[in-house]
C-alpha atoms as a PDB file:
ATOM      1  CA  MET A   1       2.129  -8.795  19.593  1.00  0.00           C
ATOM      2  CA  LEU A   2      -1.198  -8.944  17.788  1.00  0.00           C
ATOM      3  CA  GLU A   3      -3.310 -10.727  20.382  1.00  0.00           C
ATOM      4  CA  ALA A   4      -6.338  -8.513  19.717  1.00  0.00           C
ATOM      5  CA  ARG A   5      -6.120  -9.319  16.013  1.00  0.00           C
ATOM      6  CA  ARG A   6      -6.397 -13.111  16.274  1.00  0.00           C
ATOM      7  CA  LYS A   7      -8.783 -14.599  13.740  1.00  0.00           C
ATOM      8  CA  LYS A   8      -8.947 -11.262  11.936  1.00  0.00           C
ATOM      9  CA  ILE A   9      -8.869 -11.196   8.137  1.00  0.00           C
ATOM     10  CA  ALA A  10      -6.505  -8.927   6.222  1.00  0.00           C
ATOM     11  CA  ILE A  11      -6.312  -8.168   2.500  1.00  0.00           C
ATOM     12  CA  VAL A  12      -2.749  -7.368   1.404  1.00  0.00           C
ATOM     13  CA  THR A  13      -2.009  -6.187  -2.137  1.00  0.00           C
ATOM     14  CA  GLY A  14       1.544  -6.291  -3.446  1.00  0.00           C
ATOM     15  CA  ALA A  15       2.012  -9.560  -1.576  1.00  0.00           C
ATOM     16  CA  ASN A  16       5.169 -10.534  -3.462  1.00  0.00           C
ATOM     17  CA  GLY A  17       6.924  -7.217  -2.884  1.00  0.00           C
ATOM     18  CA  GLY A  18       9.519  -6.415  -0.258  1.00  0.00           C
ATOM     19  CA  ILE A  19       7.096  -4.778   2.166  1.00  0.00           C
ATOM     20  CA  GLY A  20       4.200  -7.106   1.384  1.00  0.00           C
ATOM     21  CA  ARG A  21       6.121 -10.277   2.177  1.00  0.00           C
ATOM     22  CA  VAL A  22       7.383  -8.970   5.508  1.00  0.00           C
ATOM     23  CA  LEU A  23       3.983  -7.581   6.464  1.00  0.00           C
ATOM     24  CA  ILE A  24       2.248 -10.875   5.724  1.00  0.00           C
ATOM     25  CA  LYS A  25       4.823 -12.774   7.772  1.00  0.00           C
ATOM     26  CA  TRP A  26       4.244 -10.582  10.819  1.00  0.00           C
ATOM     27  CA  LEU A  27       0.467 -10.550  10.480  1.00  0.00           C
ATOM     28  CA  GLU A  28       0.307 -14.331  10.218  1.00  0.00           C
ATOM     29  CA  LYS A  29       2.681 -14.639  13.156  1.00  0.00           C
ATOM     30  CA  GLY A  30       0.127 -12.634  15.138  1.00  0.00           C
ATOM     31  CA  GLY A  31      -2.735 -14.915  14.162  1.00  0.00           C
ATOM     32  CA  VAL A  32      -4.209 -12.860  11.323  1.00  0.00           C
ATOM     33  CA  ARG A  33      -5.437 -14.666   8.229  1.00  0.00           C
ATOM     34  CA  CYS A  34      -3.955 -12.915   5.204  1.00  0.00           C
ATOM     35  CA  ILE A  35      -5.557 -12.918   1.776  1.00  0.00           C
ATOM     36  CA  CYS A  36      -2.571 -12.157  -0.415  1.00  0.00           C
ATOM     37  CA  VAL A  37      -3.013 -10.352  -3.724  1.00  0.00           C
ATOM     38  CA  ASP A  38      -0.496 -10.014  -6.546  1.00  0.00           C
ATOM     39  CA  LYS A  39      -0.428 -10.312 -10.324  1.00  0.00           C
ATOM     40  CA  GLU A  40       1.869 -13.350 -10.281  1.00  0.00           C
ATOM     41  CA  GLY A  41       1.916 -16.453  -8.107  1.00  0.00           C
ATOM     42  CA  ILE A  42       0.153 -19.748  -7.510  1.00  0.00           C
ATOM     43  CA  PRO A  43      -3.553 -19.204  -6.798  1.00  0.00           C
ATOM     44  CA  SER A  44      -4.937 -20.676  -3.579  1.00  0.00           C
ATOM     45  CA  ASP A  45      -7.538 -19.941  -0.924  1.00  0.00           C
ATOM     46  CA  ASN A  46      -5.160 -17.375   0.558  1.00  0.00           C
ATOM     47  CA  PHE A  47      -3.498 -16.110  -2.643  1.00  0.00           C
ATOM     48  CA  LEU A  48      -5.531 -14.340  -5.315  1.00  0.00           C
ATOM     49  CA  LEU A  49      -4.203 -13.198  -8.671  1.00  0.00           C
ATOM     50  CA  CYS A  50      -5.064  -9.681  -9.822  1.00  0.00           C
ATOM     51  CA  ASP A  51      -3.541  -7.175 -12.223  1.00  0.00           C
ATOM     52  CA  LEU A  52      -4.430  -3.947 -10.440  1.00  0.00           C
ATOM     53  CA  SER A  53      -3.970  -1.945 -13.637  1.00  0.00           C
ATOM     54  CA  GLN A  54      -7.105  -3.628 -15.016  1.00  0.00           C
ATOM     55  CA  GLN A  55     -10.339  -2.381 -13.482  1.00  0.00           C
ATOM     56  CA  THR A  56     -12.242  -5.519 -14.486  1.00  0.00           C
ATOM     57  CA  GLU A  57      -9.736  -7.664 -12.576  1.00  0.00           C
ATOM     58  CA  VAL A  58      -9.995  -5.427  -9.520  1.00  0.00           C
ATOM     59  CA  GLN A  59     -13.774  -5.742  -9.570  1.00  0.00           C
ATOM     60  CA  ASN A  60     -13.468  -9.508  -9.978  1.00  0.00           C
ATOM     61  CA  LEU A  61     -11.161  -9.560  -6.946  1.00  0.00           C
ATOM     62  CA  ILE A  62     -13.787  -7.706  -4.923  1.00  0.00           C
ATOM     63  CA  ASP A  63     -16.450 -10.169  -6.043  1.00  0.00           C
ATOM     64  CA  ILE A  64     -14.309 -13.163  -5.040  1.00  0.00           C
ATOM     65  CA  ILE A  65     -13.501 -11.730  -1.608  1.00  0.00           C
ATOM     66  CA  SER A  66     -17.143 -10.769  -1.035  1.00  0.00           C
ATOM     67  CA  SER A  67     -18.268 -14.298  -1.894  1.00  0.00           C
ATOM     68  CA  LYS A  68     -15.745 -15.902   0.469  1.00  0.00           C
ATOM     69  CA  PHE A  69     -16.018 -13.670   3.539  1.00  0.00           C
ATOM     70  CA  LYS A  70     -18.795 -12.033   5.522  1.00  0.00           C
ATOM     71  CA  MET A  71     -16.416  -9.397   6.834  1.00  0.00           C
ATOM     72  CA  ILE A  72     -12.822  -8.242   6.651  1.00  0.00           C
ATOM     73  CA  ASP A  73     -10.907  -6.310   9.269  1.00  0.00           C
ATOM     74  CA  LEU A  74      -7.799  -4.951   7.587  1.00  0.00           C
ATOM     75  CA  LEU A  75      -7.028  -3.649   4.101  1.00  0.00           C
ATOM     76  CA  PHE A  76      -3.428  -2.877   3.188  1.00  0.00           C
ATOM     77  CA  ASN A  77      -2.975  -1.163  -0.176  1.00  0.00           C
ATOM     78  CA  VAL A  78       0.731  -1.913  -0.488  1.00  0.00           C
ATOM     79  CA  ALA A  79       0.994  -2.537  -4.243  1.00  0.00           C
ATOM     80  CA  GLY A  80       2.532   0.187  -6.350  1.00  0.00           C
ATOM     81  CA  ILE A  81       4.401   0.929  -9.544  1.00  0.00           C
ATOM     82  CA  GLY A  82       7.294   3.353  -9.889  1.00  0.00           C
ATOM     83  CA  ILE A  83       8.014   4.619 -13.402  1.00  0.00           C
ATOM     84  CA  TYR A  84      10.530   7.447 -13.315  1.00  0.00           C
ATOM     85  CA  LYS A  85      10.727   9.230 -16.672  1.00  0.00           C
ATOM     86  CA  LYS A  86      10.627  12.671 -18.258  1.00  0.00           C
ATOM     87  CA  ILE A  87       7.340  13.599 -19.880  1.00  0.00           C
ATOM     88  CA  GLU A  88       8.891  13.203 -23.346  1.00  0.00           C
ATOM     89  CA  ASP A  89       9.782   9.584 -22.582  1.00  0.00           C
ATOM     90  CA  LEU A  90       6.691   8.591 -20.611  1.00  0.00           C
ATOM     91  CA  THR A  91       4.121   6.655 -22.631  1.00  0.00           C
ATOM     92  CA  VAL A  92       0.389   7.109 -22.192  1.00  0.00           C
ATOM     93  CA  LYS A  93       0.153   3.469 -21.078  1.00  0.00           C
ATOM     94  CA  GLU A  94       2.795   4.035 -18.385  1.00  0.00           C
ATOM     95  CA  TRP A  95       0.879   7.094 -17.215  1.00  0.00           C
ATOM     96  CA  ASN A  96      -2.414   5.195 -17.132  1.00  0.00           C
ATOM     97  CA  ASP A  97      -0.872   2.186 -15.375  1.00  0.00           C
ATOM     98  CA  SER A  98       0.648   4.441 -12.708  1.00  0.00           C
ATOM     99  CA  LEU A  99      -2.681   6.082 -11.937  1.00  0.00           C
ATOM    100  CA  ALA A 100      -4.566   2.779 -12.094  1.00  0.00           C
ATOM    101  CA  ILE A 101      -2.286   0.863  -9.719  1.00  0.00           C
ATOM    102  CA  ASN A 102      -1.244   3.625  -7.325  1.00  0.00           C
ATOM    103  CA  LEU A 103      -4.519   5.545  -7.072  1.00  0.00           C
ATOM    104  CA  SER A 104      -7.558   3.962  -8.706  1.00  0.00           C
ATOM    105  CA  ALA A 105      -7.042   0.439  -7.349  1.00  0.00           C
ATOM    106  CA  PRO A 106      -6.945   1.564  -3.679  1.00  0.00           C
ATOM    107  CA  TYR A 107     -10.097   3.621  -4.281  1.00  0.00           C
ATOM    108  CA  ILE A 108     -11.966   0.805  -6.052  1.00  0.00           C
ATOM    109  CA  LEU A 109     -10.908  -1.788  -3.475  1.00  0.00           C
ATOM    110  CA  LEU A 110     -11.929   0.351  -0.527  1.00  0.00           C
ATOM    111  CA  LYS A 111     -15.248   1.287  -2.121  1.00  0.00           C
ATOM    112  CA  GLY A 112     -16.012  -2.315  -3.043  1.00  0.00           C
ATOM    113  CA  LEU A 113     -14.909  -3.839   0.255  1.00  0.00           C
ATOM    114  CA  LEU A 114     -16.387  -1.143   2.492  1.00  0.00           C
ATOM    115  CA  PRO A 115     -19.541  -3.152   3.291  1.00  0.00           C
ATOM    116  CA  LEU A 116     -17.335  -5.979   4.603  1.00  0.00           C
ATOM    117  CA  LEU A 117     -15.070  -3.601   6.512  1.00  0.00           C
ATOM    118  CA  LYS A 118     -18.034  -1.938   8.215  1.00  0.00           C
ATOM    119  CA  LYS A 119     -19.046  -5.304   9.690  1.00  0.00           C
ATOM    120  CA  SER A 120     -15.761  -5.498  11.600  1.00  0.00           C
ATOM    121  CA  ASN A 121     -15.525  -4.258  15.173  1.00  0.00           C
ATOM    122  CA  ASN A 122     -12.350  -2.328  14.413  1.00  0.00           C
ATOM    123  CA  PRO A 123     -11.767  -1.910  10.667  1.00  0.00           C
ATOM    124  CA  LEU A 124      -8.525  -0.352   9.493  1.00  0.00           C
ATOM    125  CA  VAL A 125      -7.311   0.647   6.032  1.00  0.00           C
ATOM    126  CA  VAL A 126      -3.654   1.527   5.484  1.00  0.00           C
ATOM    127  CA  ASN A 127      -2.636   3.136   2.203  1.00  0.00           C
ATOM    128  CA  PHE A 128       1.068   3.189   1.436  1.00  0.00           C
ATOM    129  CA  GLY A 129       2.035   6.633   0.199  1.00  0.00           C
ATOM    130  CA  SER A 130       5.272   8.381  -0.658  1.00  0.00           C
ATOM    131  CA  GLY A 131       7.126  11.560   0.119  1.00  0.00           C
ATOM    132  CA  MET A 132       6.839  12.181  -3.611  1.00  0.00           C
ATOM    133  CA  GLY A 133       3.143  12.583  -2.969  1.00  0.00           C
ATOM    134  CA  VAL A 134       4.054  15.548  -0.784  1.00  0.00           C
ATOM    135  CA  GLU A 135       7.053  17.054  -2.570  1.00  0.00           C
ATOM    136  CA  PRO A 136       6.996  17.382  -6.391  1.00  0.00           C
ATOM    137  CA  THR A 137       9.998  15.720  -8.009  1.00  0.00           C
ATOM    138  CA  ALA A 138      11.362  16.203 -11.520  1.00  0.00           C
ATOM    139  CA  GLU A 139      11.271  13.315 -14.003  1.00  0.00           C
ATOM    140  CA  ARG A 140       8.796  11.359 -11.865  1.00  0.00           C
ATOM    141  CA  ILE A 141       5.551  12.943 -12.968  1.00  0.00           C
ATOM    142  CA  ALA A 142       3.476   9.764 -13.171  1.00  0.00           C
ATOM    143  CA  TYR A 143       4.582   8.534  -9.765  1.00  0.00           C
ATOM    144  CA  CYS A 144       4.243  11.924  -8.079  1.00  0.00           C
ATOM    145  CA  THR A 145       0.821  12.571  -9.575  1.00  0.00           C
ATOM    146  CA  SER A 146      -0.514   9.194  -8.471  1.00  0.00           C
ATOM    147  CA  LYS A 147       0.881   9.535  -4.963  1.00  0.00           C
ATOM    148  CA  PHE A 148      -0.367  13.118  -4.579  1.00  0.00           C
ATOM    149  CA  GLY A 149      -3.770  11.705  -5.501  1.00  0.00           C
ATOM    150  CA  LEU A 150      -3.490   8.841  -3.026  1.00  0.00           C
ATOM    151  CA  ARG A 151      -2.622  11.293  -0.285  1.00  0.00           C
ATOM    152  CA  GLY A 152      -5.664  13.407  -1.122  1.00  0.00           C
ATOM    153  CA  LEU A 153      -7.871  10.322  -1.220  1.00  0.00           C
ATOM    154  CA  SER A 154      -6.630   9.033   2.127  1.00  0.00           C
ATOM    155  CA  LEU A 155      -6.772  12.306   4.041  1.00  0.00           C
ATOM    156  CA  SER A 156     -10.187  13.189   2.617  1.00  0.00           C
ATOM    157  CA  LEU A 157     -11.569   9.769   3.541  1.00  0.00           C
ATOM    158  CA  SER A 158     -10.105  10.084   7.020  1.00  0.00           C
ATOM    159  CA  LYS A 159     -12.290  13.151   7.491  1.00  0.00           C
ATOM    160  CA  GLU A 160     -15.260  11.517   5.773  1.00  0.00           C
ATOM    161  CA  PHE A 161     -15.133   8.629   8.244  1.00  0.00           C
ATOM    162  CA  ARG A 162     -14.175  10.664  11.310  1.00  0.00           C
ATOM    163  CA  ASN A 163     -17.501   9.865  13.000  1.00  0.00           C
ATOM    164  CA  GLU A 164     -17.487   6.194  11.975  1.00  0.00           C
ATOM    165  CA  ASP A 165     -15.502   3.168  13.086  1.00  0.00           C
ATOM    166  CA  VAL A 166     -13.573   2.783   9.817  1.00  0.00           C
ATOM    167  CA  LYS A 167     -10.051   4.113  10.287  1.00  0.00           C
ATOM    168  CA  ILE A 168      -8.172   5.337   7.205  1.00  0.00           C
ATOM    169  CA  VAL A 169      -4.415   5.781   7.581  1.00  0.00           C
ATOM    170  CA  LEU A 170      -1.830   7.013   5.098  1.00  0.00           C
ATOM    171  CA  LEU A 171       1.720   5.799   5.691  1.00  0.00           C
ATOM    172  CA  THR A 172       3.946   8.248   3.817  1.00  0.00           C
ATOM    173  CA  LEU A 173       7.317   6.664   3.128  1.00  0.00           C
ATOM    174  CA  GLY A 174      10.702   7.642   1.811  1.00  0.00           C
ATOM    175  CA  SER A 175      12.997   5.388  -0.203  1.00  0.00           C
ATOM    176  CA  ILE A 176      12.960   1.743   0.902  1.00  0.00           C
ATOM    177  CA  MET A 177      15.504  -1.003   0.269  1.00  0.00           C
ATOM    178  CA  THR A 178      13.312  -3.108  -2.034  1.00  0.00           C
ATOM    179  CA  ASN A 179      13.143  -3.955  -5.719  1.00  0.00           C
ATOM    180  CA  PHE A 180      10.711  -1.106  -6.350  1.00  0.00           C
ATOM    181  CA  GLY A 181      11.113   1.482  -9.087  1.00  0.00           C
ATOM    182  CA  THR A 182      13.519   2.101 -11.928  1.00  0.00           C
ATOM    183  CA  GLY A 183      16.809   0.293 -11.379  1.00  0.00           C
ATOM    184  CA  GLY A 184      15.382  -2.006  -8.726  1.00  0.00           C
ATOM    185  CA  LEU A 185      17.225  -3.437  -5.756  1.00  0.00           C
ATOM    186  CA  GLY A 186      20.595  -3.541  -7.506  1.00  0.00           C
ATOM    187  CA  LEU A 187      20.651   0.206  -8.067  1.00  0.00           C
ATOM    188  CA  ARG A 188      19.554   0.893  -4.512  1.00  0.00           C
ATOM    189  CA  LYS A 189      22.306  -1.272  -3.089  1.00  0.00           C
ATOM    190  CA  ARG A 190      24.889   0.570  -5.190  1.00  0.00           C
ATOM    191  CA  LEU A 191      23.539   3.928  -4.075  1.00  0.00           C
ATOM    192  CA  ALA A 192      23.580   2.748  -0.459  1.00  0.00           C
ATOM    193  CA  GLU A 193      27.253   1.876  -0.828  1.00  0.00           C
ATOM    194  CA  ASN A 194      27.802   5.502  -1.831  1.00  0.00           C
ATOM    195  CA  GLY A 195      26.042   6.783   1.260  1.00  0.00           C
ATOM    196  CA  LYS A 196      22.372   7.077   0.331  1.00  0.00           C
ATOM    197  CA  LYS A 197      20.063   6.134   3.188  1.00  0.00           C
ATOM    198  CA  TYR A 198      17.095   3.796   2.875  1.00  0.00           C
ATOM    199  CA  LEU A 199      14.358   2.514   5.115  1.00  0.00           C
ATOM    200  CA  MET A 200      14.311  -1.253   5.552  1.00  0.00           C
ATOM    201  CA  PRO A 201      11.079  -3.240   5.061  1.00  0.00           C
ATOM    202  CA  ASP A 202      11.210  -4.452   8.677  1.00  0.00           C
ATOM    203  CA  GLU A 203      11.215  -0.833   9.891  1.00  0.00           C
ATOM    204  CA  VAL A 204       8.141  -0.036   7.840  1.00  0.00           C
ATOM    205  CA  VAL A 205       6.264  -3.128   8.987  1.00  0.00           C
ATOM    206  CA  LYS A 206       7.129  -2.403  12.612  1.00  0.00           C
ATOM    207  CA  LYS A 207       5.366   0.948  12.225  1.00  0.00           C
ATOM    208  CA  VAL A 208       2.364  -0.766  10.619  1.00  0.00           C
ATOM    209  CA  ILE A 209       2.098  -3.178  13.552  1.00  0.00           C
ATOM    210  CA  GLU A 210       2.234  -0.220  15.943  1.00  0.00           C
ATOM    211  CA  ILE A 211      -0.618   1.418  14.034  1.00  0.00           C
ATOM    212  CA  ILE A 212      -2.686  -1.778  14.117  1.00  0.00           C
ATOM    213  CA  ASN A 213      -2.252  -2.118  17.873  1.00  0.00           C
ATOM    214  CA  SER A 214      -2.874   1.551  18.671  1.00  0.00           C
ATOM    215  CA  PRO A 215      -6.305   2.380  20.173  1.00  0.00           C
ATOM    216  CA  THR A 216      -6.290   5.661  18.248  1.00  0.00           C
ATOM    217  CA  VAL A 217      -4.630   6.525  14.956  1.00  0.00           C
ATOM    218  CA  LYS A 218      -3.581   9.639  13.086  1.00  0.00           C
ATOM    219  CA  PRO A 219      -4.651  10.264   9.478  1.00  0.00           C
ATOM    220  CA  GLU A 220      -1.008  10.214   8.353  1.00  0.00           C
ATOM    221  CA  TYR A 221       2.316   8.842   9.550  1.00  0.00           C
ATOM    222  CA  VAL A 222       5.584   9.868   7.896  1.00  0.00           C
ATOM    223  CA  MET A 223       8.787   7.810   7.699  1.00  0.00           C
ATOM    224  CA  TYR A 224      11.754   9.231   5.791  1.00  0.00           C
ATOM    225  CA  PRO A 225      15.368   8.046   5.804  1.00  0.00           C
ATOM    226  CA  GLN A 226      18.061  10.617   6.448  1.00  0.00           C
ATOM    227  CA  GLY A 227      18.517  12.998   3.510  1.00  0.00           C
ATOM    228  CA  TYR A 228      15.354  11.940   1.706  1.00  0.00           C
ATOM    229  CA  LEU A 229      14.136  14.436  -0.925  1.00  0.00           C
ATOM    230  CA  SER A 230      17.146  16.704  -0.418  1.00  0.00           C
ATOM    231  CA  GLY A 231      17.902  18.386  -3.698  1.00  0.00           C
ATOM    232  CA  SER A 232      14.739  17.079  -5.378  1.00  0.00           C
END
């Protein structure tokens, strides 16, 4: 239950993704007003369009949120991009997009929305990381680099805010049964049929709800499916 979070305001990026949709459903069920962010969809008071690879759009998003709300309570940086290629095949644009979406956007959003977060009685920021931000993996240099950076950002900020009310949490995840990354959901289902293990979005969101409801939080939580990163 999210009784303590009623009438709270949450910003959720990656709203159309597998985790984002489930997270929004559970937050709204608990009485939280969700401001959903994605690059595609029908704009509304609760759904804002933003291409997180474009810094000007991210800043515009911050300006819109700041004009609509006096404070926000929760920021979930769920959005991400997974481009898995060798360096010879990876374009400069793909590299830049990976860093912009996976690393720069969470930084810019947190920096820009921090004044609103600090007005909350119990502000919480959850960044969605990856085991590939802990363990280097071949042929995934853009993704690994961006997630290593996100991990450094999150853990450093957790220390920076250790004497303040703003809580910064990194949720480090293994492979999830969503449409994310090269090959998408179809490939993941085929690999699952051959025995590969995946986290389910509901499992991930359950952990997020636990974090929200916890009176104290750790800087990092790790969730890996069985066999994750073996042989990487």
